[in-house]
């Protein structure tokens, strides 16, 4: 099941232009933002002479969620590459709240000054891209998230956040006292009830879609190509990654709870079949674009094992999953660009 993703929302804010970015020097538990607003240790703003700078752009799956401190895949990738190439530096520029349509503005303002040589692109929030396209709000600015409000750390946030978390923990304790079969049945029933409630609000008696409309896939491909061309124009080599998910058509019965939660959280307009179709067709689009643009493709979707040992929910990695992913990316980079 998904943990509380709202925790990460406290780590970023929108600037005066409405661009989400991580709050510099924000700290909470294992999450640390450096003085430049990037996840991880402090860095030198100026790139070292003769150095190679790789930036990793993604959402919460790349920012890090379930992993122990310093175990998110960009951090582990940096350690692995540093052992082989002393001149290589990896910076995690991911922002959990960054929409696909905001990538260019974010990169232009916050990432280009770092003068990166390569960018590994995880296409974060692709289901939300579909949702926004269906609702006709793609690219429009949403409600402000703590714009202009500077907290020293998350402990300064409203007490209501922690009250809700306390009630959630009490419920977890009670649930642990019950048989697993009862817990699963209760959670599935609760998810379906919440889904019906959300369907009533957003579908208005329409049936959820079993497939992503072709026009949305076409728009997604166009947005991806435009972003790639923007990077190339700014002398950054794009490296694409497909977007992995734990649930597939072959294990959906085992992970029914996670599939329902994915639909509830990310895109109620799609049915469970529609969620699986969206992930497949948009990953196929990334593969197609990588081939047409002659880019290195890290096919993460086909690389990572589809078990809870590697993936904590549908999209976020465990320590082992992040290590596995970093190791594969390291090998691919080693045998393609860096060795040259």
C-alpha atoms as a PDB file:
ATOM      1  CA  UNK A   1       0.000   0.000   0.000  1.00  0.00           C
ATOM      2  CA  UNK A   2       0.980   3.599  -0.469  1.00  0.00           C
ATOM      3  CA  UNK A   3       2.473   5.398   2.502  1.00  0.00           C
ATOM      4  CA  UNK A   4       1.580   9.023   3.191  1.00  0.00           C
ATOM      5  CA  UNK A   5       2.856  10.909   0.138  1.00  0.00           C
ATOM      6  CA  UNK A   6       1.734  14.176   1.743  1.00  0.00           C
ATOM      7  CA  UNK A   7       4.941  14.093   3.784  1.00  0.00           C
ATOM      8  CA  UNK A   8       6.904  14.961   0.653  1.00  0.00           C
ATOM      9  CA  UNK A   9       4.662  17.939  -0.133  1.00  0.00           C
ATOM     10  CA  UNK A  10       6.175  19.709   2.872  1.00  0.00           C
ATOM     11  CA  UNK A  11       9.599  19.538   1.249  1.00  0.00           C
ATOM     12  CA  UNK A  12       8.759  21.634  -1.806  1.00  0.00           C
ATOM     13  CA  UNK A  13       6.985  24.884  -2.610  1.00  0.00           C
ATOM     14  CA  UNK A  14       6.115  27.003  -5.627  1.00  0.00           C
ATOM     15  CA  UNK A  15       8.128  30.102  -6.458  1.00  0.00           C
ATOM     16  CA  UNK A  16       6.582  33.389  -7.540  1.00  0.00           C
ATOM     17  CA  UNK A  17       6.296  32.032 -11.097  1.00  0.00           C
ATOM     18  CA  UNK A  18       4.395  28.950  -9.936  1.00  0.00           C
ATOM     19  CA  UNK A  19       7.323  26.567 -10.498  1.00  0.00           C
ATOM     20  CA  UNK A  20       7.635  23.826  -7.846  1.00  0.00           C
ATOM     21  CA  UNK A  21      11.090  23.401  -6.330  1.00  0.00           C
ATOM     22  CA  UNK A  22      12.571  21.855  -3.211  1.00  0.00           C
ATOM     23  CA  UNK A  23      12.877  24.173  -0.205  1.00  0.00           C
ATOM     24  CA  UNK A  24      16.602  24.862   0.386  1.00  0.00           C
ATOM     25  CA  UNK A  25      17.977  23.599   3.714  1.00  0.00           C
ATOM     26  CA  UNK A  26      14.707  21.833   4.600  1.00  0.00           C
ATOM     27  CA  UNK A  27      15.187  18.768   6.792  1.00  0.00           C
ATOM     28  CA  UNK A  28      12.837  16.134   8.166  1.00  0.00           C
ATOM     29  CA  UNK A  29      13.925  12.714   9.387  1.00  0.00           C
ATOM     30  CA  UNK A  30      15.814  11.050   6.501  1.00  0.00           C
ATOM     31  CA  UNK A  31      14.935  13.729   3.939  1.00  0.00           C
ATOM     32  CA  UNK A  32      17.532  16.480   3.581  1.00  0.00           C
ATOM     33  CA  UNK A  33      17.600  19.287   1.033  1.00  0.00           C
ATOM     34  CA  UNK A  34      20.904  21.073   0.440  1.00  0.00           C
ATOM     35  CA  UNK A  35      21.374  24.835   0.199  1.00  0.00           C
ATOM     36  CA  UNK A  36      20.733  24.804  -3.570  1.00  0.00           C
ATOM     37  CA  UNK A  37      17.396  23.000  -3.204  1.00  0.00           C
ATOM     38  CA  UNK A  38      18.491  19.521  -4.275  1.00  0.00           C
ATOM     39  CA  UNK A  39      18.141  16.198  -2.454  1.00  0.00           C
ATOM     40  CA  UNK A  40      21.331  15.010  -0.809  1.00  0.00           C
ATOM     41  CA  UNK A  41      24.695  16.359   0.275  1.00  0.00           C
ATOM     42  CA  UNK A  42      26.062  19.833  -0.349  1.00  0.00           C
ATOM     43  CA  UNK A  43      27.615  20.408  -3.759  1.00  0.00           C
ATOM     44  CA  UNK A  44      29.878  22.989  -5.346  1.00  0.00           C
ATOM     45  CA  UNK A  45      27.833  25.235  -7.594  1.00  0.00           C
ATOM     46  CA  UNK A  46      30.644  25.469 -10.159  1.00  0.00           C
ATOM     47  CA  UNK A  47      31.466  22.282 -12.029  1.00  0.00           C
ATOM     48  CA  UNK A  48      35.043  21.141 -11.618  1.00  0.00           C
ATOM     49  CA  UNK A  49      37.329  21.640 -14.592  1.00  0.00           C
ATOM     50  CA  UNK A  50      37.244  18.496 -16.723  1.00  0.00           C
ATOM     51  CA  UNK A  51      34.403  17.074 -14.652  1.00  0.00           C
ATOM     52  CA  UNK A  52      31.258  15.349 -15.891  1.00  0.00           C
ATOM     53  CA  UNK A  53      27.971  16.305 -14.273  1.00  0.00           C
ATOM     54  CA  UNK A  54      24.943  13.999 -14.462  1.00  0.00           C
ATOM     55  CA  UNK A  55      21.587  15.211 -13.132  1.00  0.00           C
ATOM     56  CA  UNK A  56      18.651  12.906 -12.353  1.00  0.00           C
ATOM     57  CA  UNK A  57      15.190  14.380 -12.947  1.00  0.00           C
ATOM     58  CA  UNK A  58      12.131  12.579 -11.671  1.00  0.00           C
ATOM     59  CA  UNK A  59       9.379  12.669  -9.079  1.00  0.00           C
ATOM     60  CA  UNK A  60       9.025  11.001  -5.702  1.00  0.00           C
ATOM     61  CA  UNK A  61      10.358   7.700  -7.085  1.00  0.00           C
ATOM     62  CA  UNK A  62      13.710   9.428  -7.785  1.00  0.00           C
ATOM     63  CA  UNK A  63      13.595  11.947  -4.943  1.00  0.00           C
ATOM     64  CA  UNK A  64      13.370   8.947  -2.626  1.00  0.00           C
ATOM     65  CA  UNK A  65      10.568   7.731  -0.376  1.00  0.00           C
ATOM     66  CA  UNK A  66      10.862   4.290   1.254  1.00  0.00           C
ATOM     67  CA  UNK A  67      14.654   4.107   1.034  1.00  0.00           C
ATOM     68  CA  UNK A  68      16.942   4.625   4.002  1.00  0.00           C
ATOM     69  CA  UNK A  69      18.861   7.897   4.129  1.00  0.00           C
ATOM     70  CA  UNK A  70      21.294   8.118   1.239  1.00  0.00           C
ATOM     71  CA  UNK A  71      19.908   4.980  -0.428  1.00  0.00           C
ATOM     72  CA  UNK A  72      17.710   6.606  -3.104  1.00  0.00           C
ATOM     73  CA  UNK A  73      18.897   5.465  -6.530  1.00  0.00           C
ATOM     74  CA  UNK A  74      20.575   8.740  -7.678  1.00  0.00           C
ATOM     75  CA  UNK A  75      22.653   8.765  -4.484  1.00  0.00           C
ATOM     76  CA  UNK A  76      23.681   5.144  -4.933  1.00  0.00           C
ATOM     77  CA  UNK A  77      24.418   5.772  -8.616  1.00  0.00           C
ATOM     78  CA  UNK A  78      26.721   8.634  -7.631  1.00  0.00           C
ATOM     79  CA  UNK A  79      28.674   6.388  -5.264  1.00  0.00           C
ATOM     80  CA  UNK A  80      29.004   3.637  -7.868  1.00  0.00           C
ATOM     81  CA  UNK A  81      30.213   5.973 -10.608  1.00  0.00           C
ATOM     82  CA  UNK A  82      32.604   7.765  -8.271  1.00  0.00           C
ATOM     83  CA  UNK A  83      34.348   4.449  -7.633  1.00  0.00           C
ATOM     84  CA  UNK A  84      35.007   4.078 -11.362  1.00  0.00           C
ATOM     85  CA  UNK A  85      35.303   7.670 -12.579  1.00  0.00           C
ATOM     86  CA  UNK A  86      36.671  10.273 -10.170  1.00  0.00           C
ATOM     87  CA  UNK A  87      35.520  13.137 -12.411  1.00  0.00           C
ATOM     88  CA  UNK A  88      31.837  12.108 -12.500  1.00  0.00           C
ATOM     89  CA  UNK A  89      29.308  13.864 -10.234  1.00  0.00           C
ATOM     90  CA  UNK A  90      25.633  12.865  -9.880  1.00  0.00           C
ATOM     91  CA  UNK A  91      23.087  15.400  -8.613  1.00  0.00           C
ATOM     92  CA  UNK A  92      19.493  14.508  -7.742  1.00  0.00           C
ATOM     93  CA  UNK A  93      17.410  17.437  -9.028  1.00  0.00           C
ATOM     94  CA  UNK A  94      14.094  15.572  -8.659  1.00  0.00           C
ATOM     95  CA  UNK A  95      11.051  17.339  -7.199  1.00  0.00           C
ATOM     96  CA  UNK A  96       8.160  15.246  -5.907  1.00  0.00           C
ATOM     97  CA  UNK A  97       5.566  17.862  -6.911  1.00  0.00           C
ATOM     98  CA  UNK A  98       6.835  18.633 -10.426  1.00  0.00           C
ATOM     99  CA  UNK A  99       4.300  18.081 -13.230  1.00  0.00           C
ATOM    100  CA  UNK A 100       5.386  16.909 -16.684  1.00  0.00           C
ATOM    101  CA  UNK A 101       4.317  20.254 -18.172  1.00  0.00           C
ATOM    102  CA  UNK A 102       6.508  22.158 -15.693  1.00  0.00           C
ATOM    103  CA  UNK A 103       9.794  20.356 -16.452  1.00  0.00           C
ATOM    104  CA  UNK A 104      11.108  22.876 -18.956  1.00  0.00           C
ATOM    105  CA  UNK A 105      10.506  25.908 -16.708  1.00  0.00           C
ATOM    106  CA  UNK A 106      11.999  24.129 -13.692  1.00  0.00           C
ATOM    107  CA  UNK A 107      15.080  22.977 -15.580  1.00  0.00           C
ATOM    108  CA  UNK A 108      15.599  26.410 -17.144  1.00  0.00           C
ATOM    109  CA  UNK A 109      15.531  28.206 -13.807  1.00  0.00           C
ATOM    110  CA  UNK A 110      17.043  25.739 -11.351  1.00  0.00           C
ATOM    111  CA  UNK A 111      19.058  23.124 -13.274  1.00  0.00           C
ATOM    112  CA  UNK A 112      20.702  24.823 -16.276  1.00  0.00           C
ATOM    113  CA  UNK A 113      22.898  27.003 -14.003  1.00  0.00           C
ATOM    114  CA  UNK A 114      24.583  23.762 -12.847  1.00  0.00           C
ATOM    115  CA  UNK A 115      25.803  23.220 -16.442  1.00  0.00           C
ATOM    116  CA  UNK A 116      25.003  19.488 -16.519  1.00  0.00           C
ATOM    117  CA  UNK A 117      26.387  17.276 -19.273  1.00  0.00           C
ATOM    118  CA  UNK A 118      23.765  14.515 -19.039  1.00  0.00           C
ATOM    119  CA  UNK A 119      20.229  14.262 -17.708  1.00  0.00           C
ATOM    120  CA  UNK A 120      18.605  10.952 -16.766  1.00  0.00           C
ATOM    121  CA  UNK A 121      14.869  11.518 -17.205  1.00  0.00           C
ATOM    122  CA  UNK A 122      12.301   9.550 -15.237  1.00  0.00           C
ATOM    123  CA  UNK A 123       8.906  10.598 -16.522  1.00  0.00           C
ATOM    124  CA  UNK A 124       7.261  11.316 -13.242  1.00  0.00           C
ATOM    125  CA  UNK A 125       3.500  11.757 -12.756  1.00  0.00           C
ATOM    126  CA  UNK A 126       2.532  10.196 -16.072  1.00  0.00           C
ATOM    127  CA  UNK A 127      -0.848   9.071 -14.741  1.00  0.00           C
ATOM    128  CA  UNK A 128      -1.520  12.594 -13.527  1.00  0.00           C
ATOM    129  CA  UNK A 129      -0.606  13.798 -17.024  1.00  0.00           C
ATOM    130  CA  UNK A 130      -3.400  11.575 -18.367  1.00  0.00           C
ATOM    131  CA  UNK A 131      -5.812  12.790 -15.683  1.00  0.00           C
ATOM    132  CA  UNK A 132      -5.090  16.463 -16.395  1.00  0.00           C
ATOM    133  CA  UNK A 133      -5.495  15.881 -20.140  1.00  0.00           C
ATOM    134  CA  UNK A 134      -8.868  14.188 -19.671  1.00  0.00           C
ATOM    135  CA  UNK A 135     -10.065  16.979 -17.377  1.00  0.00           C
ATOM    136  CA  UNK A 136      -8.767  19.660 -19.723  1.00  0.00           C
ATOM    137  CA  UNK A 137      -6.455  21.251 -17.145  1.00  0.00           C
ATOM    138  CA  UNK A 138      -3.080  20.075 -18.496  1.00  0.00           C
ATOM    139  CA  UNK A 139      -0.489  22.811 -18.168  1.00  0.00           C
ATOM    140  CA  UNK A 140      -2.693  25.022 -16.022  1.00  0.00           C
ATOM    141  CA  UNK A 141      -1.400  26.157 -12.677  1.00  0.00           C
ATOM    142  CA  UNK A 142      -2.959  24.370  -9.721  1.00  0.00           C
ATOM    143  CA  UNK A 143      -3.417  25.724  -6.206  1.00  0.00           C
ATOM    144  CA  UNK A 144      -0.339  27.222  -4.587  1.00  0.00           C
ATOM    145  CA  UNK A 145       1.691  25.011  -2.275  1.00  0.00           C
ATOM    146  CA  UNK A 146       3.164  27.100   0.546  1.00  0.00           C
ATOM    147  CA  UNK A 147       4.312  29.790  -1.865  1.00  0.00           C
ATOM    148  CA  UNK A 148       6.337  32.365  -0.027  1.00  0.00           C
ATOM    149  CA  UNK A 149       6.002  30.500   3.268  1.00  0.00           C
ATOM    150  CA  UNK A 150       9.369  29.487   4.673  1.00  0.00           C
ATOM    151  CA  UNK A 151       9.519  26.879   7.409  1.00  0.00           C
ATOM    152  CA  UNK A 152      12.796  26.011   9.026  1.00  0.00           C
ATOM    153  CA  UNK A 153      11.754  22.368   9.153  1.00  0.00           C
ATOM    154  CA  UNK A 154       8.644  20.250   8.942  1.00  0.00           C
ATOM    155  CA  UNK A 155       8.200  20.170  12.709  1.00  0.00           C
ATOM    156  CA  UNK A 156       7.010  23.799  12.378  1.00  0.00           C
ATOM    157  CA  UNK A 157       3.998  22.698  10.315  1.00  0.00           C
ATOM    158  CA  UNK A 158       0.407  22.708  11.524  1.00  0.00           C
ATOM    159  CA  UNK A 159      -0.414  20.372  14.429  1.00  0.00           C
ATOM    160  CA  UNK A 160      -3.293  18.962  12.393  1.00  0.00           C
ATOM    161  CA  UNK A 161      -0.813  17.155  10.134  1.00  0.00           C
ATOM    162  CA  UNK A 162       0.599  15.274  13.097  1.00  0.00           C
ATOM    163  CA  UNK A 163      -2.843  14.666  14.618  1.00  0.00           C
ATOM    164  CA  UNK A 164      -3.943  12.923  11.426  1.00  0.00           C
ATOM    165  CA  UNK A 165      -0.761  10.893  11.446  1.00  0.00           C
ATOM    166  CA  UNK A 166      -1.388   9.858  15.070  1.00  0.00           C
ATOM    167  CA  UNK A 167      -4.924   8.647  14.281  1.00  0.00           C
ATOM    168  CA  UNK A 168      -3.519   6.712  11.333  1.00  0.00           C
ATOM    169  CA  UNK A 169      -1.008   4.977  13.618  1.00  0.00           C
ATOM    170  CA  UNK A 170      -3.761   4.043  16.070  1.00  0.00           C
ATOM    171  CA  UNK A 171      -5.728   2.474  13.230  1.00  0.00           C
ATOM    172  CA  UNK A 172      -2.608   0.581  12.130  1.00  0.00           C
ATOM    173  CA  UNK A 173      -2.162  -0.860  15.633  1.00  0.00           C
ATOM    174  CA  UNK A 174      -5.790  -2.007  15.731  1.00  0.00           C
ATOM    175  CA  UNK A 175      -5.527  -3.569  12.299  1.00  0.00           C
ATOM    176  CA  UNK A 176      -2.405  -5.512  13.274  1.00  0.00           C
ATOM    177  CA  UNK A 177      -4.464  -7.291  15.935  1.00  0.00           C
ATOM    178  CA  UNK A 178      -6.797  -8.735  13.299  1.00  0.00           C
ATOM    179  CA  UNK A 179      -6.227 -11.747  11.005  1.00  0.00           C
ATOM    180  CA  UNK A 180      -4.558 -10.891   7.681  1.00  0.00           C
ATOM    181  CA  UNK A 181      -7.540 -12.150   5.692  1.00  0.00           C
ATOM    182  CA  UNK A 182      -9.840  -9.745   7.540  1.00  0.00           C
ATOM    183  CA  UNK A 183      -7.405  -6.842   7.076  1.00  0.00           C
ATOM    184  CA  UNK A 184      -7.171  -7.416   3.312  1.00  0.00           C
ATOM    185  CA  UNK A 185     -10.944  -7.680   2.964  1.00  0.00           C
ATOM    186  CA  UNK A 186     -11.431  -4.500   5.017  1.00  0.00           C
ATOM    187  CA  UNK A 187      -8.914  -2.517   2.985  1.00  0.00           C
ATOM    188  CA  UNK A 188     -10.345  -3.634  -0.351  1.00  0.00           C
ATOM    189  CA  UNK A 189     -13.855  -2.736   0.797  1.00  0.00           C
ATOM    190  CA  UNK A 190     -12.646   0.678   1.995  1.00  0.00           C
ATOM    191  CA  UNK A 191     -10.807   1.366  -1.279  1.00  0.00           C
ATOM    192  CA  UNK A 192     -13.819   0.427  -3.405  1.00  0.00           C
ATOM    193  CA  UNK A 193     -16.070   2.661  -1.307  1.00  0.00           C
ATOM    194  CA  UNK A 194     -13.670   5.596  -1.730  1.00  0.00           C
ATOM    195  CA  UNK A 195     -13.398   4.887  -5.460  1.00  0.00           C
ATOM    196  CA  UNK A 196     -17.200   4.977  -5.868  1.00  0.00           C
ATOM    197  CA  UNK A 197     -17.309   8.268  -4.007  1.00  0.00           C
ATOM    198  CA  UNK A 198     -14.604   9.766  -6.217  1.00  0.00           C
ATOM    199  CA  UNK A 199     -16.238   8.401  -9.382  1.00  0.00           C
ATOM    200  CA  UNK A 200     -19.480  10.117  -8.419  1.00  0.00           C
ATOM    201  CA  UNK A 201     -17.601  13.415  -8.126  1.00  0.00           C
ATOM    202  CA  UNK A 202     -15.503  13.274 -11.301  1.00  0.00           C
ATOM    203  CA  UNK A 203     -17.125  10.836 -13.742  1.00  0.00           C
ATOM    204  CA  UNK A 204     -20.700  12.072 -13.316  1.00  0.00           C
ATOM    205  CA  UNK A 205     -22.364   8.785 -14.357  1.00  0.00           C
ATOM    206  CA  UNK A 206     -19.766   8.068 -17.075  1.00  0.00           C
ATOM    207  CA  UNK A 207     -17.866   4.796 -17.203  1.00  0.00           C
ATOM    208  CA  UNK A 208     -14.114   4.891 -16.499  1.00  0.00           C
ATOM    209  CA  UNK A 209     -11.922   4.457 -19.575  1.00  0.00           C
ATOM    210  CA  UNK A 210     -10.267   1.111 -20.281  1.00  0.00           C
ATOM    211  CA  UNK A 211      -7.698   2.706 -22.592  1.00  0.00           C
ATOM    212  CA  UNK A 212      -5.892   6.023 -22.846  1.00  0.00           C
ATOM    213  CA  UNK A 213      -7.265   8.030 -25.799  1.00  0.00           C
ATOM    214  CA  UNK A 214      -4.890   8.206 -28.785  1.00  0.00           C
ATOM    215  CA  UNK A 215      -4.840  12.006 -28.744  1.00  0.00           C
ATOM    216  CA  UNK A 216      -3.399  12.024 -25.216  1.00  0.00           C
ATOM    217  CA  UNK A 217      -0.670   9.552 -26.203  1.00  0.00           C
ATOM    218  CA  UNK A 218       0.124  11.786 -29.197  1.00  0.00           C
ATOM    219  CA  UNK A 219       0.287  14.883 -26.967  1.00  0.00           C
ATOM    220  CA  UNK A 220       2.551  13.067 -24.523  1.00  0.00           C
ATOM    221  CA  UNK A 221       4.921  12.108 -27.323  1.00  0.00           C
ATOM    222  CA  UNK A 222       5.006  15.714 -28.542  1.00  0.00           C
ATOM    223  CA  UNK A 223       5.713  17.091 -25.056  1.00  0.00           C
ATOM    224  CA  UNK A 224       8.499  14.545 -24.560  1.00  0.00           C
ATOM    225  CA  UNK A 225      10.160  15.365 -27.883  1.00  0.00           C
ATOM    226  CA  UNK A 226       9.917  19.102 -27.217  1.00  0.00           C
ATOM    227  CA  UNK A 227      11.646  18.662 -23.838  1.00  0.00           C
ATOM    228  CA  UNK A 228      14.381  16.512 -25.385  1.00  0.00           C
ATOM    229  CA  UNK A 229      15.031  19.126 -28.081  1.00  0.00           C
ATOM    230  CA  UNK A 230      15.188  21.817 -25.385  1.00  0.00           C
ATOM    231  CA  UNK A 231      17.873  19.864 -23.536  1.00  0.00           C
ATOM    232  CA  UNK A 232      19.874  19.300 -26.698  1.00  0.00           C
ATOM    233  CA  UNK A 233      19.720  22.996 -27.534  1.00  0.00           C
ATOM    234  CA  UNK A 234      21.245  23.653 -24.115  1.00  0.00           C
ATOM    235  CA  UNK A 235      24.032  21.110 -24.702  1.00  0.00           C
ATOM    236  CA  UNK A 236      22.624  18.479 -22.325  1.00  0.00           C
ATOM    237  CA  UNK A 237      22.569  14.849 -23.451  1.00  0.00           C
ATOM    238  CA  UNK A 238      19.166  13.315 -22.511  1.00  0.00           C
ATOM    239  CA  UNK A 239      19.021   9.740 -21.231  1.00  0.00           C
ATOM    240  CA  UNK A 240      15.511   8.285 -21.102  1.00  0.00           C
ATOM    241  CA  UNK A 241      14.157   5.746 -18.645  1.00  0.00           C
ATOM    242  CA  UNK A 242      10.897   3.868 -18.860  1.00  0.00           C
ATOM    243  CA  UNK A 243       8.673   4.131 -15.810  1.00  0.00           C
ATOM    244  CA  UNK A 244       8.472   0.889 -13.815  1.00  0.00           C
ATOM    245  CA  UNK A 245       5.393  -0.293 -11.930  1.00  0.00           C
ATOM    246  CA  UNK A 246       4.985  -3.237  -9.589  1.00  0.00           C
ATOM    247  CA  UNK A 247       1.526  -4.218 -10.862  1.00  0.00           C
ATOM    248  CA  UNK A 248       1.284  -5.791 -14.306  1.00  0.00           C
ATOM    249  CA  UNK A 249      -1.503  -7.678 -16.129  1.00  0.00           C
ATOM    250  CA  UNK A 250       0.175 -10.890 -14.929  1.00  0.00           C
ATOM    251  CA  UNK A 251       0.264 -10.164 -11.173  1.00  0.00           C
ATOM    252  CA  UNK A 252      -2.731  -7.855 -10.778  1.00  0.00           C
ATOM    253  CA  UNK A 253      -4.692 -10.405  -8.753  1.00  0.00           C
ATOM    254  CA  UNK A 254      -1.880 -10.634  -6.211  1.00  0.00           C
ATOM    255  CA  UNK A 255      -1.603  -6.857  -5.926  1.00  0.00           C
ATOM    256  CA  UNK A 256      -5.272  -5.888  -6.312  1.00  0.00           C
ATOM    257  CA  UNK A 257      -5.090  -3.536  -3.329  1.00  0.00           C
ATOM    258  CA  UNK A 258      -2.159  -1.605  -4.823  1.00  0.00           C
ATOM    259  CA  UNK A 259      -3.832  -1.360  -8.234  1.00  0.00           C
ATOM    260  CA  UNK A 260      -7.023   0.036  -6.680  1.00  0.00           C
ATOM    261  CA  UNK A 261      -5.007   2.511  -4.610  1.00  0.00           C
ATOM    262  CA  UNK A 262      -3.118   3.633  -7.736  1.00  0.00           C
ATOM    263  CA  UNK A 263      -6.378   4.378  -9.503  1.00  0.00           C
ATOM    264  CA  UNK A 264      -7.838   6.191  -6.480  1.00  0.00           C
ATOM    265  CA  UNK A 265      -4.774   8.388  -5.957  1.00  0.00           C
ATOM    266  CA  UNK A 266      -3.630   9.137  -9.494  1.00  0.00           C
ATOM    267  CA  UNK A 267      -6.403   8.848 -12.103  1.00  0.00           C
ATOM    268  CA  UNK A 268      -9.993   7.925 -11.262  1.00  0.00           C
ATOM    269  CA  UNK A 269     -10.971   8.517 -14.914  1.00  0.00           C
ATOM    270  CA  UNK A 270      -9.208   5.272 -15.868  1.00  0.00           C
ATOM    271  CA  UNK A 271     -10.418   1.826 -14.839  1.00  0.00           C
ATOM    272  CA  UNK A 272      -7.949  -0.706 -13.415  1.00  0.00           C
ATOM    273  CA  UNK A 273      -7.464  -1.971 -16.984  1.00  0.00           C
ATOM    274  CA  UNK A 274      -7.037   1.644 -18.074  1.00  0.00           C
ATOM    275  CA  UNK A 275      -4.263   2.202 -15.499  1.00  0.00           C
ATOM    276  CA  UNK A 276      -2.363  -0.821 -16.795  1.00  0.00           C
ATOM    277  CA  UNK A 277      -2.917   0.285 -20.403  1.00  0.00           C
ATOM    278  CA  UNK A 278      -1.655   3.803 -19.642  1.00  0.00           C
ATOM    279  CA  UNK A 279       1.580   2.547 -18.110  1.00  0.00           C
ATOM    280  CA  UNK A 280       2.187   0.190 -21.037  1.00  0.00           C
ATOM    281  CA  UNK A 281       1.383   2.588 -23.861  1.00  0.00           C
ATOM    282  CA  UNK A 282       3.284   5.546 -22.400  1.00  0.00           C
ATOM    283  CA  UNK A 283       6.343   3.376 -21.751  1.00  0.00           C
ATOM    284  CA  UNK A 284       6.113   2.205 -25.365  1.00  0.00           C
ATOM    285  CA  UNK A 285       6.039   5.871 -26.366  1.00  0.00           C
ATOM    286  CA  UNK A 286       9.276   6.504 -24.453  1.00  0.00           C
ATOM    287  CA  UNK A 287      10.926   3.566 -26.222  1.00  0.00           C
ATOM    288  CA  UNK A 288       9.746   4.899 -29.577  1.00  0.00           C
ATOM    289  CA  UNK A 289      11.007   8.425 -28.890  1.00  0.00           C
ATOM    290  CA  UNK A 290      14.378   7.158 -27.623  1.00  0.00           C
ATOM    291  CA  UNK A 291      14.843   5.221 -30.875  1.00  0.00           C
ATOM    292  CA  UNK A 292      13.770   8.117 -33.099  1.00  0.00           C
ATOM    293  CA  UNK A 293      15.954  10.629 -31.226  1.00  0.00           C
ATOM    294  CA  UNK A 294      18.907   8.212 -31.013  1.00  0.00           C
ATOM    295  CA  UNK A 295      19.005   8.366 -27.208  1.00  0.00           C
ATOM    296  CA  UNK A 296      20.292   5.946 -24.608  1.00  0.00           C
ATOM    297  CA  UNK A 297      17.290   4.150 -23.101  1.00  0.00           C
ATOM    298  CA  UNK A 298      17.311   2.584 -19.653  1.00  0.00           C
ATOM    299  CA  UNK A 299      14.389   0.174 -19.846  1.00  0.00           C
ATOM    300  CA  UNK A 300      13.719   0.164 -16.107  1.00  0.00           C
ATOM    301  CA  UNK A 301      10.245  -1.281 -16.613  1.00  0.00           C
ATOM    302  CA  UNK A 302      11.731  -4.506 -17.980  1.00  0.00           C
ATOM    303  CA  UNK A 303      14.772  -4.536 -15.682  1.00  0.00           C
ATOM    304  CA  UNK A 304      13.475  -4.365 -12.133  1.00  0.00           C
ATOM    305  CA  UNK A 305      11.869  -7.481 -10.568  1.00  0.00           C
ATOM    306  CA  UNK A 306       8.146  -7.114  -9.910  1.00  0.00           C
ATOM    307  CA  UNK A 307       8.139  -8.008  -6.222  1.00  0.00           C
ATOM    308  CA  UNK A 308       7.645  -6.092  -2.959  1.00  0.00           C
ATOM    309  CA  UNK A 309      11.263  -6.889  -2.137  1.00  0.00           C
ATOM    310  CA  UNK A 310      12.266  -4.302  -4.742  1.00  0.00           C
ATOM    311  CA  UNK A 311       9.209  -2.028  -4.991  1.00  0.00           C
ATOM    312  CA  UNK A 312       7.462  -0.748  -1.846  1.00  0.00           C
ATOM    313  CA  UNK A 313       4.163   0.153  -3.533  1.00  0.00           C
ATOM    314  CA  UNK A 314       3.413   0.511  -7.229  1.00  0.00           C
ATOM    315  CA  UNK A 315       6.116   3.082  -7.994  1.00  0.00           C
ATOM    316  CA  UNK A 316       8.522   3.622  -5.064  1.00  0.00           C
ATOM    317  CA  UNK A 317      11.621   1.521  -4.460  1.00  0.00           C
ATOM    318  CA  UNK A 318      12.975  -0.245  -1.417  1.00  0.00           C
ATOM    319  CA  UNK A 319      16.699  -0.002  -0.595  1.00  0.00           C
ATOM    320  CA  UNK A 320      17.259  -3.183  -2.586  1.00  0.00           C
ATOM    321  CA  UNK A 321      15.238  -1.935  -5.545  1.00  0.00           C
ATOM    322  CA  UNK A 322      17.090   1.395  -5.620  1.00  0.00           C
ATOM    323  CA  UNK A 323      20.437  -0.414  -5.442  1.00  0.00           C
ATOM    324  CA  UNK A 324      19.403  -2.750  -8.261  1.00  0.00           C
ATOM    325  CA  UNK A 325      18.292   0.179 -10.412  1.00  0.00           C
ATOM    326  CA  UNK A 326      21.441   2.224  -9.710  1.00  0.00           C
ATOM    327  CA  UNK A 327      23.635  -0.755 -10.545  1.00  0.00           C
ATOM    328  CA  UNK A 328      21.940  -1.304 -13.898  1.00  0.00           C
ATOM    329  CA  UNK A 329      22.136   2.384 -14.805  1.00  0.00           C
ATOM    330  CA  UNK A 330      25.813   2.428 -13.798  1.00  0.00           C
ATOM    331  CA  UNK A 331      26.573  -0.538 -16.048  1.00  0.00           C
ATOM    332  CA  UNK A 332      24.717   0.997 -18.992  1.00  0.00           C
ATOM    333  CA  UNK A 333      26.522   4.337 -18.636  1.00  0.00           C
ATOM    334  CA  UNK A 334      29.846   2.559 -18.143  1.00  0.00           C
ATOM    335  CA  UNK A 335      29.464   0.643 -21.402  1.00  0.00           C
ATOM    336  CA  UNK A 336      28.149   3.549 -23.487  1.00  0.00           C
ATOM    337  CA  UNK A 337      29.113   7.165 -22.864  1.00  0.00           C
ATOM    338  CA  UNK A 338      31.388   7.375 -19.840  1.00  0.00           C
ATOM    339  CA  UNK A 339      33.913   4.789 -20.913  1.00  0.00           C
ATOM    340  CA  UNK A 340      34.514   6.862 -24.058  1.00  0.00           C
END
